[in-house]
Amino acid sequence: MQIRNTFIPPIGIQKLNTENKSRTTNTNFADHLQEAIKNDTNLTISKHAKTRIEQRNIEISSEDWKKISEKVTEAKQMGVNESLVLLDHAALIVSAKNQTVITAMDRSETNSQIFTNINGTIII
């Protein structure tokens, strides 16, 4: 018995599904996020943080994103690994070590929260 490695071409032309399946997103959040990225911030926003920002309708201006990025970089140089970033209307947990926003919440939610594994706080 002999086994041969021969190629069997498909019959006919196969059509690729090129339909664009874009999801509807909150354009306000998407606009702010794009602004933040355009302003050359060094921050990455995790999938979890994006979801929380959308769910909680948190709006952070591109100017605030830039301030957050600058302060997180400064905190990293001071040896901070994980930081709590407090804004007037929001609170973020940010990994200064890898420049990533881990989660976000409305400032009113922070009244009864205990934050652990944080070794720095940034108030903007």
PDB file of N, CA and C in Angstrom:
ATOM      1  N   MET A   1       0.846  -1.168   0.000  1.00  0.00           N
ATOM      2  CA  MET A   1       0.000   0.000   0.000  1.00  0.00           C
ATOM      3  C   MET A   1       0.890   1.229   0.000  1.00  0.00           C
ATOM      4  N   GLN A   2       0.593   2.129  -0.900  1.00  0.00           N
ATOM      5  CA  GLN A   2       1.374   3.340  -1.032  1.00  0.00           C
ATOM      6  C   GLN A   2       0.488   4.553  -0.759  1.00  0.00           C
ATOM      7  N   ILE A   3       1.018   5.508   0.019  1.00  0.00           N
ATOM      8  CA  ILE A   3       0.285   6.750   0.290  1.00  0.00           C
ATOM      9  C   ILE A   3       0.971   7.858  -0.478  1.00  0.00           C
ATOM     10  N   ARG A   4       0.177   8.579  -1.239  1.00  0.00           N
ATOM     11  CA  ARG A   4       0.735   9.671  -2.023  1.00  0.00           C
ATOM     12  C   ARG A   4       0.186  10.996  -1.511  1.00  0.00           C
ATOM     13  N   ASN A   5       1.057  11.947  -1.386  1.00  0.00           N
ATOM     14  CA  ASN A   5       0.645  13.294  -0.983  1.00  0.00           C
ATOM     15  C   ASN A   5       0.335  14.091  -2.237  1.00  0.00           C
ATOM     16  N   THR A   6      -0.872  13.997  -2.660  1.00  0.00           N
ATOM     17  CA  THR A   6      -1.275  14.755  -3.846  1.00  0.00           C
ATOM     18  C   THR A   6      -2.287  15.805  -3.447  1.00  0.00           C
ATOM     19  N   PHE A   7      -2.217  16.914  -4.095  1.00  0.00           N
ATOM     20  CA  PHE A   7      -3.125  18.026  -3.817  1.00  0.00           C
ATOM     21  C   PHE A   7      -4.382  17.864  -4.650  1.00  0.00           C
ATOM     22  N   ILE A   8      -5.523  17.949  -3.998  1.00  0.00           N
ATOM     23  CA  ILE A   8      -6.799  17.894  -4.704  1.00  0.00           C
ATOM     24  C   ILE A   8      -7.388  19.299  -4.668  1.00  0.00           C
ATOM     25  N   PRO A   9      -7.451  19.970  -5.813  1.00  0.00           N
ATOM     26  CA  PRO A   9      -7.962  21.345  -5.830  1.00  0.00           C
ATOM     27  C   PRO A   9      -9.466  21.374  -5.582  1.00  0.00           C
ATOM     28  N   PRO A  10      -9.964  22.456  -4.952  1.00  0.00           N
ATOM     29  CA  PRO A  10     -11.403  22.566  -4.717  1.00  0.00           C
ATOM     30  C   PRO A  10     -12.144  22.742  -6.039  1.00  0.00           C
ATOM     31  N   ILE A  11     -13.372  22.281  -6.057  1.00  0.00           N
ATOM     32  CA  ILE A  11     -14.192  22.396  -7.257  1.00  0.00           C
ATOM     33  C   ILE A  11     -14.909  23.737  -7.239  1.00  0.00           C
ATOM     34  N   GLY A  12     -14.814  24.493  -8.309  1.00  0.00           N
ATOM     35  CA  GLY A  12     -15.502  25.775  -8.422  1.00  0.00           C
ATOM     36  C   GLY A  12     -14.772  26.876  -7.677  1.00  0.00           C
ATOM     37  N   ILE A  13     -15.331  28.050  -7.767  1.00  0.00           N
ATOM     38  CA  ILE A  13     -14.754  29.228  -7.117  1.00  0.00           C
ATOM     39  C   ILE A  13     -15.481  29.459  -5.804  1.00  0.00           C
ATOM     40  N   GLN A  14     -14.720  29.620  -4.755  1.00  0.00           N
ATOM     41  CA  GLN A  14     -15.313  29.865  -3.446  1.00  0.00           C
ATOM     42  C   GLN A  14     -15.361  31.357  -3.194  1.00  0.00           C
ATOM     43  N   LYS A  15     -16.501  31.835  -2.746  1.00  0.00           N
ATOM     44  CA  LYS A  15     -16.661  33.258  -2.461  1.00  0.00           C
ATOM     45  C   LYS A  15     -16.359  33.509  -0.988  1.00  0.00           C
ATOM     46  N   LEU A  16     -15.628  34.568  -0.752  1.00  0.00           N
ATOM     47  CA  LEU A  16     -15.335  34.960   0.617  1.00  0.00           C
ATOM     48  C   LEU A  16     -16.429  35.870   1.122  1.00  0.00           C
ATOM     49  N   ASN A  17     -16.744  35.749   2.384  1.00  0.00           N
ATOM     50  CA  ASN A  17     -17.739  36.621   2.992  1.00  0.00           C
ATOM     51  C   ASN A  17     -17.053  37.930   3.354  1.00  0.00           C
ATOM     52  N   THR A  18     -17.282  38.955   2.563  1.00  0.00           N
ATOM     53  CA  THR A  18     -16.623  40.243   2.794  1.00  0.00           C
ATOM     54  C   THR A  18     -17.555  41.254   3.428  1.00  0.00           C
ATOM     55  N   GLU A  19     -18.676  40.787   3.934  1.00  0.00           N
ATOM     56  CA  GLU A  19     -19.639  41.687   4.559  1.00  0.00           C
ATOM     57  C   GLU A  19     -19.039  42.293   5.817  1.00  0.00           C
ATOM     58  N   ASN A  20     -19.140  43.591   5.944  1.00  0.00           N
ATOM     59  CA  ASN A  20     -18.600  44.293   7.106  1.00  0.00           C
ATOM     60  C   ASN A  20     -19.576  44.143   8.262  1.00  0.00           C
ATOM     61  N   LYS A  21     -19.139  43.519   9.320  1.00  0.00           N
ATOM     62  CA  LYS A  21     -19.992  43.294  10.480  1.00  0.00           C
ATOM     63  C   LYS A  21     -19.570  44.217  11.610  1.00  0.00           C
ATOM     64  N   SER A  22     -19.800  45.487  11.432  1.00  0.00           N
ATOM     65  CA  SER A  22     -19.414  46.442  12.471  1.00  0.00           C
ATOM     66  C   SER A  22     -20.494  46.499  13.533  1.00  0.00           C
ATOM     67  N   ARG A  23     -20.057  46.640  14.764  1.00  0.00           N
ATOM     68  CA  ARG A  23     -20.990  46.735  15.883  1.00  0.00           C
ATOM     69  C   ARG A  23     -21.303  48.188  16.160  1.00  0.00           C
ATOM     70  N   THR A  24     -22.493  48.418  16.639  1.00  0.00           N
ATOM     71  CA  THR A  24     -22.871  49.760  17.029  1.00  0.00           C
ATOM     72  C   THR A  24     -22.285  50.026  18.404  1.00  0.00           C
ATOM     73  N   THR A  25     -21.547  51.121  18.529  1.00  0.00           N
ATOM     74  CA  THR A  25     -20.937  51.455  19.809  1.00  0.00           C
ATOM     75  C   THR A  25     -21.378  52.837  20.238  1.00  0.00           C
ATOM     76  N   ASN A  26     -21.102  53.137  21.461  1.00  0.00           N
ATOM     77  CA  ASN A  26     -21.396  54.457  21.988  1.00  0.00           C
ATOM     78  C   ASN A  26     -20.411  55.435  21.354  1.00  0.00           C
ATOM     79  N   THR A  27     -20.887  56.241  20.425  1.00  0.00           N
ATOM     80  CA  THR A  27     -19.979  57.113  19.683  1.00  0.00           C
ATOM     81  C   THR A  27     -19.319  58.138  20.585  1.00  0.00           C
ATOM     82  N   ASN A  28     -20.002  58.569  21.617  1.00  0.00           N
ATOM     83  CA  ASN A  28     -19.414  59.540  22.519  1.00  0.00           C
ATOM     84  C   ASN A  28     -18.160  58.953  23.170  1.00  0.00           C
ATOM     85  N   PHE A  29     -18.261  57.742  23.673  1.00  0.00           N
ATOM     86  CA  PHE A  29     -17.109  57.081  24.271  1.00  0.00           C
ATOM     87  C   PHE A  29     -16.030  56.839  23.221  1.00  0.00           C
ATOM     88  N   ALA A  30     -16.449  56.353  22.064  1.00  0.00           N
ATOM     89  CA  ALA A  30     -15.489  56.065  20.997  1.00  0.00           C
ATOM     90  C   ALA A  30     -14.754  57.329  20.571  1.00  0.00           C
ATOM     91  N   ASP A  31     -15.484  58.450  20.490  1.00  0.00           N
ATOM     92  CA  ASP A  31     -14.853  59.721  20.118  1.00  0.00           C
ATOM     93  C   ASP A  31     -13.809  60.128  21.148  1.00  0.00           C
ATOM     94  N   HIS A  32     -14.170  60.029  22.427  1.00  0.00           N
ATOM     95  CA  HIS A  32     -13.225  60.400  23.485  1.00  0.00           C
ATOM     96  C   HIS A  32     -12.004  59.487  23.482  1.00  0.00           C
ATOM     97  N   LEU A  33     -12.256  58.224  23.265  1.00  0.00           N
ATOM     98  CA  LEU A  33     -11.155  57.273  23.249  1.00  0.00           C
ATOM     99  C   LEU A  33     -10.209  57.565  22.089  1.00  0.00           C
ATOM    100  N   GLN A  34     -10.770  57.847  20.924  1.00  0.00           N
ATOM    101  CA  GLN A  34      -9.933  58.181  19.769  1.00  0.00           C
ATOM    102  C   GLN A  34      -9.155  59.470  20.001  1.00  0.00           C
ATOM    103  N   GLU A  35      -9.806  60.454  20.633  1.00  0.00           N
ATOM    104  CA  GLU A  35      -9.105  61.704  20.956  1.00  0.00           C
ATOM    105  C   GLU A  35      -7.920  61.428  21.864  1.00  0.00           C
ATOM    106  N   ALA A  36      -8.147  60.578  22.852  1.00  0.00           N
ATOM    107  CA  ALA A  36      -7.076  60.258  23.797  1.00  0.00           C
ATOM    108  C   ALA A  36      -5.910  59.586  23.085  1.00  0.00           C
ATOM    109  N   ILE A  37      -6.230  58.695  22.188  1.00  0.00           N
ATOM    110  CA  ILE A  37      -5.176  58.002  21.450  1.00  0.00           C
ATOM    111  C   ILE A  37      -4.430  58.970  20.547  1.00  0.00           C
ATOM    112  N   LYS A  38      -5.166  59.875  19.899  1.00  0.00           N
ATOM    113  CA  LYS A  38      -4.543  60.846  18.995  1.00  0.00           C
ATOM    114  C   LYS A  38      -3.613  61.795  19.740  1.00  0.00           C
ATOM    115  N   ASN A  39      -3.934  62.089  20.975  1.00  0.00           N
ATOM    116  CA  ASN A  39      -3.118  63.024  21.743  1.00  0.00           C
ATOM    117  C   ASN A  39      -1.860  62.363  22.295  1.00  0.00           C
ATOM    118  N   ASP A  40      -1.546  61.194  21.774  1.00  0.00           N
ATOM    119  CA  ASP A  40      -0.290  60.513  22.076  1.00  0.00           C
ATOM    120  C   ASP A  40      -0.113  60.217  23.560  1.00  0.00           C
ATOM    121  N   THR A  41      -1.147  59.707  24.180  1.00  0.00           N
ATOM    122  CA  THR A  41      -0.980  59.267  25.556  1.00  0.00           C
ATOM    123  C   THR A  41      -0.332  57.899  25.529  1.00  0.00           C
ATOM    124  N   ASN A  42       0.350  57.575  26.585  1.00  0.00           N
ATOM    125  CA  ASN A  42       1.023  56.287  26.666  1.00  0.00           C
ATOM    126  C   ASN A  42       0.148  55.226  27.303  1.00  0.00           C
ATOM    127  N   LEU A  43      -1.098  55.558  27.611  1.00  0.00           N
ATOM    128  CA  LEU A  43      -1.968  54.633  28.315  1.00  0.00           C
ATOM    129  C   LEU A  43      -2.668  53.664  27.376  1.00  0.00           C
ATOM    130  N   THR A  44      -2.821  52.453  27.871  1.00  0.00           N
ATOM    131  CA  THR A  44      -3.643  51.449  27.214  1.00  0.00           C
ATOM    132  C   THR A  44      -4.861  51.261  28.099  1.00  0.00           C
ATOM    133  N   ILE A  45      -6.026  51.138  27.495  1.00  0.00           N
ATOM    134  CA  ILE A  45      -7.241  50.925  28.271  1.00  0.00           C
ATOM    135  C   ILE A  45      -7.647  49.470  28.083  1.00  0.00           C
ATOM    136  N   SER A  46      -7.697  48.735  29.186  1.00  0.00           N
ATOM    137  CA  SER A  46      -8.041  47.316  29.110  1.00  0.00           C
ATOM    138  C   SER A  46      -9.484  47.140  28.652  1.00  0.00           C
ATOM    139  N   LYS A  47      -9.781  45.953  28.182  1.00  0.00           N
ATOM    140  CA  LYS A  47     -11.145  45.643  27.735  1.00  0.00           C
ATOM    141  C   LYS A  47     -12.128  45.826  28.889  1.00  0.00           C
ATOM    142  N   HIS A  48     -11.734  45.387  30.069  1.00  0.00           N
ATOM    143  CA  HIS A  48     -12.582  45.530  31.256  1.00  0.00           C
ATOM    144  C   HIS A  48     -12.860  47.004  31.546  1.00  0.00           C
ATOM    145  N   ALA A  49     -11.820  47.835  31.493  1.00  0.00           N
ATOM    146  CA  ALA A  49     -11.990  49.265  31.759  1.00  0.00           C
ATOM    147  C   ALA A  49     -12.881  49.915  30.705  1.00  0.00           C
ATOM    148  N   LYS A  50     -12.710  49.545  29.442  1.00  0.00           N
ATOM    149  CA  LYS A  50     -13.567  50.085  28.375  1.00  0.00           C
ATOM    150  C   LYS A  50     -15.026  49.771  28.652  1.00  0.00           C
ATOM    151  N   THR A  51     -15.279  48.524  29.050  1.00  0.00           N
ATOM    152  CA  THR A  51     -16.649  48.104  29.358  1.00  0.00           C
ATOM    153  C   THR A  51     -17.210  48.914  30.513  1.00  0.00           C
ATOM    154  N   ARG A  52     -16.423  49.086  31.572  1.00  0.00           N
ATOM    155  CA  ARG A  52     -16.887  49.846  32.736  1.00  0.00           C
ATOM    156  C   ARG A  52     -17.150  51.312  32.382  1.00  0.00           C
ATOM    157  N   ILE A  53     -16.286  51.897  31.588  1.00  0.00           N
ATOM    158  CA  ILE A  53     -16.454  53.297  31.188  1.00  0.00           C
ATOM    159  C   ILE A  53     -17.741  53.456  30.386  1.00  0.00           C
ATOM    160  N   GLU A  54     -18.013  52.513  29.494  1.00  0.00           N
ATOM    161  CA  GLU A  54     -19.239  52.563  28.694  1.00  0.00           C
ATOM    162  C   GLU A  54     -20.465  52.343  29.564  1.00  0.00           C
ATOM    163  N   GLN A  55     -20.438  51.311  30.413  1.00  0.00           N
ATOM    164  CA  GLN A  55     -21.587  50.973  31.250  1.00  0.00           C
ATOM    165  C   GLN A  55     -21.943  52.094  32.218  1.00  0.00           C
ATOM    166  N   ARG A  56     -20.946  52.747  32.734  1.00  0.00           N
ATOM    167  CA  ARG A  56     -21.170  53.769  33.756  1.00  0.00           C
ATOM    168  C   ARG A  56     -21.232  55.176  33.175  1.00  0.00           C
ATOM    169  N   ASN A  57     -21.220  55.279  31.859  1.00  0.00           N
ATOM    170  CA  ASN A  57     -21.302  56.576  31.161  1.00  0.00           C
ATOM    171  C   ASN A  57     -20.290  57.584  31.688  1.00  0.00           C
ATOM    172  N   ILE A  58     -19.074  57.135  31.865  1.00  0.00           N
ATOM    173  CA  ILE A  58     -18.007  58.006  32.348  1.00  0.00           C
ATOM    174  C   ILE A  58     -17.378  58.698  31.152  1.00  0.00           C
ATOM    175  N   GLU A  59     -17.315  60.009  31.215  1.00  0.00           N
ATOM    176  CA  GLU A  59     -16.704  60.782  30.143  1.00  0.00           C
ATOM    177  C   GLU A  59     -15.433  61.434  30.669  1.00  0.00           C
ATOM    178  N   ILE A  60     -14.337  61.148  30.006  1.00  0.00           N
ATOM    179  CA  ILE A  60     -13.045  61.723  30.378  1.00  0.00           C
ATOM    180  C   ILE A  60     -12.516  62.444  29.150  1.00  0.00           C
ATOM    181  N   SER A  61     -12.265  63.724  29.307  1.00  0.00           N
ATOM    182  CA  SER A  61     -11.821  64.536  28.170  1.00  0.00           C
ATOM    183  C   SER A  61     -10.409  64.148  27.746  1.00  0.00           C
ATOM    184  N   SER A  62     -10.063  64.505  26.530  1.00  0.00           N
ATOM    185  CA  SER A  62      -8.717  64.201  26.034  1.00  0.00           C
ATOM    186  C   SER A  62      -7.664  64.928  26.861  1.00  0.00           C
ATOM    187  N   GLU A  63      -8.019  66.103  27.361  1.00  0.00           N
ATOM    188  CA  GLU A  63      -7.105  66.860  28.226  1.00  0.00           C
ATOM    189  C   GLU A  63      -6.839  66.092  29.523  1.00  0.00           C
ATOM    190  N   ASP A  64      -7.902  65.523  30.103  1.00  0.00           N
ATOM    191  CA  ASP A  64      -7.738  64.728  31.324  1.00  0.00           C
ATOM    192  C   ASP A  64      -6.941  63.451  31.055  1.00  0.00           C
ATOM    193  N   TRP A  65      -7.168  62.799  29.898  1.00  0.00           N
ATOM    194  CA  TRP A  65      -6.398  61.605  29.554  1.00  0.00           C
ATOM    195  C   TRP A  65      -4.917  61.935  29.487  1.00  0.00           C
ATOM    196  N   LYS A  66      -4.619  63.096  28.923  1.00  0.00           N
ATOM    197  CA  LYS A  66      -3.218  63.506  28.797  1.00  0.00           C
ATOM    198  C   LYS A  66      -2.604  63.731  30.185  1.00  0.00           C
ATOM    199  N   LYS A  67      -3.362  64.398  31.083  1.00  0.00           N
ATOM    200  CA  LYS A  67      -2.881  64.624  32.451  1.00  0.00           C
ATOM    201  C   LYS A  67      -2.659  63.297  33.169  1.00  0.00           C
ATOM    202  N   ILE A  68      -3.618  62.380  33.002  1.00  0.00           N
ATOM    203  CA  ILE A  68      -3.508  61.073  33.645  1.00  0.00           C
ATOM    204  C   ILE A  68      -2.247  60.364  33.165  1.00  0.00           C
ATOM    205  N   SER A  69      -2.040  60.373  31.866  1.00  0.00           N
ATOM    206  CA  SER A  69      -0.862  59.718  31.286  1.00  0.00           C
ATOM    207  C   SER A  69       0.434  60.303  31.839  1.00  0.00           C
ATOM    208  N   GLU A  70       0.499  61.633  31.910  1.00  0.00           N
ATOM    209  CA  GLU A  70       1.705  62.296  32.424  1.00  0.00           C
ATOM    210  C   GLU A  70       1.956  61.932  33.879  1.00  0.00           C
ATOM    211  N   LYS A  71       0.891  61.968  34.693  1.00  0.00           N
ATOM    212  CA  LYS A  71       1.041  61.685  36.124  1.00  0.00           C
ATOM    213  C   LYS A  71       1.361  60.214  36.386  1.00  0.00           C
ATOM    214  N   VAL A  72       0.800  59.318  35.582  1.00  0.00           N
ATOM    215  CA  VAL A  72       1.101  57.897  35.742  1.00  0.00           C
ATOM    216  C   VAL A  72       2.568  57.636  35.398  1.00  0.00           C
ATOM    217  N   THR A  73       3.061  58.284  34.360  1.00  0.00           N
ATOM    218  CA  THR A  73       4.481  58.155  33.997  1.00  0.00           C
ATOM    219  C   THR A  73       5.363  58.679  35.124  1.00  0.00           C
ATOM    220  N   GLU A  74       4.969  59.815  35.693  1.00  0.00           N
ATOM    221  CA  GLU A  74       5.718  60.398  36.815  1.00  0.00           C
ATOM    222  C   GLU A  74       5.690  59.462  38.026  1.00  0.00           C
ATOM    223  N   ALA A  75       4.516  58.882  38.305  1.00  0.00           N
ATOM    224  CA  ALA A  75       4.386  57.961  39.437  1.00  0.00           C
ATOM    225  C   ALA A  75       5.250  56.717  39.229  1.00  0.00           C
ATOM    226  N   LYS A  76       5.306  56.239  38.000  1.00  0.00           N
ATOM    227  CA  LYS A  76       6.130  55.065  37.684  1.00  0.00           C
ATOM    228  C   LYS A  76       7.597  55.350  37.985  1.00  0.00           C
ATOM    229  N   GLN A  77       8.047  56.558  37.664  1.00  0.00           N
ATOM    230  CA  GLN A  77       9.432  56.940  37.930  1.00  0.00           C
ATOM    231  C   GLN A  77       9.713  57.013  39.427  1.00  0.00           C
ATOM    232  N   MET A  78       8.659  57.209  40.221  1.00  0.00           N
ATOM    233  CA  MET A  78       8.809  57.271  41.677  1.00  0.00           C
ATOM    234  C   MET A  78       8.654  55.895  42.324  1.00  0.00           C
ATOM    235  N   GLY A  79       8.465  54.854  41.509  1.00  0.00           N
ATOM    236  CA  GLY A  79       8.376  53.501  42.036  1.00  0.00           C
ATOM    237  C   GLY A  79       6.970  52.986  42.260  1.00  0.00           C
ATOM    238  N   VAL A  80       5.967  53.713  41.814  1.00  0.00           N
ATOM    239  CA  VAL A  80       4.581  53.269  41.974  1.00  0.00           C
ATOM    240  C   VAL A  80       4.282  52.196  40.931  1.00  0.00           C
ATOM    241  N   ASN A  81       3.650  51.105  41.386  1.00  0.00           N
ATOM    242  CA  ASN A  81       3.253  50.037  40.461  1.00  0.00           C
ATOM    243  C   ASN A  81       1.779  50.120  40.106  1.00  0.00           C
ATOM    244  N   GLU A  82       0.923  50.227  41.106  1.00  0.00           N
ATOM    245  CA  GLU A  82      -0.524  50.309  40.903  1.00  0.00           C
ATOM    246  C   GLU A  82      -1.018  51.581  41.576  1.00  0.00           C
ATOM    247  N   SER A  83      -1.813  52.368  40.843  1.00  0.00           N
ATOM    248  CA  SER A  83      -2.255  53.636  41.417  1.00  0.00           C
ATOM    249  C   SER A  83      -3.760  53.818  41.289  1.00  0.00           C
ATOM    250  N   LEU A  84      -4.294  54.574  42.223  1.00  0.00           N
ATOM    251  CA  LEU A  84      -5.680  55.018  42.182  1.00  0.00           C
ATOM    252  C   LEU A  84      -5.646  56.439  41.644  1.00  0.00           C
ATOM    253  N   VAL A  85      -6.327  56.678  40.533  1.00  0.00           N
ATOM    254  CA  VAL A  85      -6.377  58.009  39.932  1.00  0.00           C
ATOM    255  C   VAL A  85      -7.760  58.581  40.209  1.00  0.00           C
ATOM    256  N   LEU A  86      -7.801  59.699  40.935  1.00  0.00           N
ATOM    257  CA  LEU A  86      -9.067  60.335  41.283  1.00  0.00           C
ATOM    258  C   LEU A  86      -9.280  61.589  40.452  1.00  0.00           C
ATOM    259  N   LEU A  87     -10.391  61.617  39.742  1.00  0.00           N
ATOM    260  CA  LEU A  87     -10.826  62.801  39.010  1.00  0.00           C
ATOM    261  C   LEU A  87     -12.061  63.344  39.728  1.00  0.00           C
ATOM    262  N   ASP A  88     -12.563  64.490  39.303  1.00  0.00           N
ATOM    263  CA  ASP A  88     -13.761  65.052  39.928  1.00  0.00           C
ATOM    264  C   ASP A  88     -14.953  64.108  39.831  1.00  0.00           C
ATOM    265  N   HIS A  89     -15.086  63.416  38.723  1.00  0.00           N
ATOM    266  CA  HIS A  89     -16.275  62.613  38.459  1.00  0.00           C
ATOM    267  C   HIS A  89     -15.991  61.116  38.271  1.00  0.00           C
ATOM    268  N   ALA A  90     -14.741  60.705  38.365  1.00  0.00           N
ATOM    269  CA  ALA A  90     -14.404  59.298  38.128  1.00  0.00           C
ATOM    270  C   ALA A  90     -13.192  58.878  38.944  1.00  0.00           C
ATOM    271  N   ALA A  91     -13.057  57.575  39.095  1.00  0.00           N
ATOM    272  CA  ALA A  91     -11.877  56.993  39.738  1.00  0.00           C
ATOM    273  C   ALA A  91     -11.398  55.851  38.855  1.00  0.00           C
ATOM    274  N   LEU A  92     -10.097  55.791  38.648  1.00  0.00           N
ATOM    275  CA  LEU A  92      -9.501  54.763  37.800  1.00  0.00           C
ATOM    276  C   LEU A  92      -8.433  54.016  38.584  1.00  0.00           C
ATOM    277  N   ILE A  93      -8.331  52.732  38.343  1.00  0.00           N
ATOM    278  CA  ILE A  93      -7.201  51.966  38.845  1.00  0.00           C
ATOM    279  C   ILE A  93      -6.284  51.773  37.644  1.00  0.00           C
ATOM    280  N   VAL A  94      -5.038  52.230  37.784  1.00  0.00           N
ATOM    281  CA  VAL A  94      -4.098  52.211  36.664  1.00  0.00           C
ATOM    282  C   VAL A  94      -2.820  51.492  37.075  1.00  0.00           C
ATOM    283  N   SER A  95      -2.381  50.600  36.232  1.00  0.00           N
ATOM    284  CA  SER A  95      -1.086  49.958  36.427  1.00  0.00           C
ATOM    285  C   SER A  95      -0.033  50.883  35.837  1.00  0.00           C
ATOM    286  N   ALA A  96       0.739  51.505  36.717  1.00  0.00           N
ATOM    287  CA  ALA A  96       1.806  52.392  36.247  1.00  0.00           C
ATOM    288  C   ALA A  96       2.921  51.565  35.621  1.00  0.00           C
ATOM    289  N   LYS A  97       3.062  50.356  36.108  1.00  0.00           N
ATOM    290  CA  LYS A  97       4.113  49.466  35.623  1.00  0.00           C
ATOM    291  C   LYS A  97       4.000  49.226  34.116  1.00  0.00           C
ATOM    292  N   ASN A  98       2.765  48.951  33.637  1.00  0.00           N
ATOM    293  CA  ASN A  98       2.601  48.711  32.201  1.00  0.00           C
ATOM    294  C   ASN A  98       1.679  49.724  31.521  1.00  0.00           C
ATOM    295  N   GLN A  99       1.423  50.854  32.192  1.00  0.00           N
ATOM    296  CA  GLN A  99       0.671  51.977  31.606  1.00  0.00           C
ATOM    297  C   GLN A  99      -0.717  51.551  31.118  1.00  0.00           C
ATOM    298  N   THR A 100      -1.442  50.775  31.946  1.00  0.00           N
ATOM    299  CA  THR A 100      -2.749  50.257  31.552  1.00  0.00           C
ATOM    300  C   THR A 100      -3.815  50.647  32.562  1.00  0.00           C
ATOM    301  N   VAL A 101      -4.935  51.168  32.052  1.00  0.00           N
ATOM    302  CA  VAL A 101      -6.095  51.443  32.897  1.00  0.00           C
ATOM    303  C   VAL A 101      -6.776  50.099  33.120  1.00  0.00           C
ATOM    304  N   ILE A 102      -6.892  49.692  34.385  1.00  0.00           N
ATOM    305  CA  ILE A 102      -7.421  48.379  34.724  1.00  0.00           C
ATOM    306  C   ILE A 102      -8.933  48.409  34.881  1.00  0.00           C
ATOM    307  N   THR A 103      -9.445  49.412  35.597  1.00  0.00           N
ATOM    308  CA  THR A 103     -10.887  49.547  35.771  1.00  0.00           C
ATOM    309  C   THR A 103     -11.240  50.999  36.028  1.00  0.00           C
ATOM    310  N   ALA A 104     -12.526  51.287  35.932  1.00  0.00           N
ATOM    311  CA  ALA A 104     -13.006  52.654  36.128  1.00  0.00           C
ATOM    312  C   ALA A 104     -14.355  52.614  36.828  1.00  0.00           C
ATOM    313  N   MET A 105     -14.606  53.635  37.627  1.00  0.00           N
ATOM    314  CA  MET A 105     -15.906  53.752  38.284  1.00  0.00           C
ATOM    315  C   MET A 105     -16.256  55.214  38.470  1.00  0.00           C
ATOM    316  N   ASP A 106     -17.539  55.448  38.627  1.00  0.00           N
ATOM    317  CA  ASP A 106     -18.021  56.790  38.904  1.00  0.00           C
ATOM    318  C   ASP A 106     -17.550  57.180  40.296  1.00  0.00           C
ATOM    319  N   ARG A 107     -17.257  58.432  40.484  1.00  0.00           N
ATOM    320  CA  ARG A 107     -16.716  58.892  41.772  1.00  0.00           C
ATOM    321  C   ARG A 107     -17.682  58.622  42.918  1.00  0.00           C
ATOM    322  N   SER A 108     -18.993  58.660  42.653  1.00  0.00           N
ATOM    323  CA  SER A 108     -19.969  58.400  43.715  1.00  0.00           C
ATOM    324  C   SER A 108     -19.887  56.954  44.216  1.00  0.00           C
ATOM    325  N   GLU A 109     -19.400  56.045  43.383  1.00  0.00           N
ATOM    326  CA  GLU A 109     -19.251  54.642  43.784  1.00  0.00           C
ATOM    327  C   GLU A 109     -18.076  54.430  44.728  1.00  0.00           C
ATOM    328  N   THR A 110     -17.169  55.370  44.796  1.00  0.00           N
ATOM    329  CA  THR A 110     -15.956  55.196  45.597  1.00  0.00           C
ATOM    330  C   THR A 110     -16.177  55.430  47.084  1.00  0.00           C
ATOM    331  N   ASN A 111     -17.325  55.956  47.464  1.00  0.00           N
ATOM    332  CA  ASN A 111     -17.576  56.290  48.870  1.00  0.00           C
ATOM    333  C   ASN A 111     -17.502  55.080  49.789  1.00  0.00           C
ATOM    334  N   SER A 112     -17.941  53.927  49.323  1.00  0.00           N
ATOM    335  CA  SER A 112     -17.959  52.752  50.194  1.00  0.00           C
ATOM    336  C   SER A 112     -17.000  51.661  49.718  1.00  0.00           C
ATOM    337  N   GLN A 113     -16.013  52.020  48.938  1.00  0.00           N
ATOM    338  CA  GLN A 113     -15.076  51.037  48.396  1.00  0.00           C
ATOM    339  C   GLN A 113     -13.766  51.023  49.178  1.00  0.00           C
ATOM    340  N   ILE A 114     -13.161  49.863  49.223  1.00  0.00           N
ATOM    341  CA  ILE A 114     -11.821  49.710  49.780  1.00  0.00           C
ATOM    342  C   ILE A 114     -10.927  49.285  48.624  1.00  0.00           C
ATOM    343  N   PHE A 115      -9.871  50.037  48.392  1.00  0.00           N
ATOM    344  CA  PHE A 115      -8.946  49.744  47.304  1.00  0.00           C
ATOM    345  C   PHE A 115      -7.711  49.070  47.886  1.00  0.00           C
ATOM    346  N   THR A 116      -7.383  47.906  47.364  1.00  0.00           N
ATOM    347  CA  THR A 116      -6.216  47.165  47.842  1.00  0.00           C
ATOM    348  C   THR A 116      -5.176  47.072  46.732  1.00  0.00           C
ATOM    349  N   ASN A 117      -3.982  46.684  47.128  1.00  0.00           N
ATOM    350  CA  ASN A 117      -2.856  46.524  46.197  1.00  0.00           C
ATOM    351  C   ASN A 117      -2.530  47.808  45.444  1.00  0.00           C
ATOM    352  N   ILE A 118      -2.748  48.927  46.095  1.00  0.00           N
ATOM    353  CA  ILE A 118      -2.441  50.234  45.519  1.00  0.00           C
ATOM    354  C   ILE A 118      -1.265  50.798  46.306  1.00  0.00           C
ATOM    355  N   ASN A 119      -0.240  51.273  45.616  1.00  0.00           N
ATOM    356  CA  ASN A 119       0.856  51.899  46.347  1.00  0.00           C
ATOM    357  C   ASN A 119       1.084  53.341  45.914  1.00  0.00           C
ATOM    358  N   GLY A 120       0.046  53.949  45.352  1.00  0.00           N
ATOM    359  CA  GLY A 120       0.122  55.359  44.999  1.00  0.00           C
ATOM    360  C   GLY A 120      -1.246  55.891  44.625  1.00  0.00           C
ATOM    361  N   THR A 121      -1.471  57.163  44.903  1.00  0.00           N
ATOM    362  CA  THR A 121      -2.723  57.819  44.532  1.00  0.00           C
ATOM    363  C   THR A 121      -2.398  59.077  43.758  1.00  0.00           C
ATOM    364  N   ILE A 122      -3.123  59.287  42.669  1.00  0.00           N
ATOM    365  CA  ILE A 122      -2.951  60.474  41.836  1.00  0.00           C
ATOM    366  C   ILE A 122      -4.272  61.221  41.843  1.00  0.00           C
ATOM    367  N   ILE A 123      -4.234  62.484  42.238  1.00  0.00           N
ATOM    368  CA  ILE A 123      -5.445  63.310  42.261  1.00  0.00           C
ATOM    369  C   ILE A 123      -5.333  64.347  41.160  1.00  0.00           C
ATOM    370  N   ILE A 124      -6.303  64.330  40.264  1.00  0.00           N
ATOM    371  CA  ILE A 124      -6.294  65.273  39.138  1.00  0.00           C
ATOM    372  C   ILE A 124      -7.511  66.165  39.245  1.00  0.00           C
TER     373      ILE A 124
END
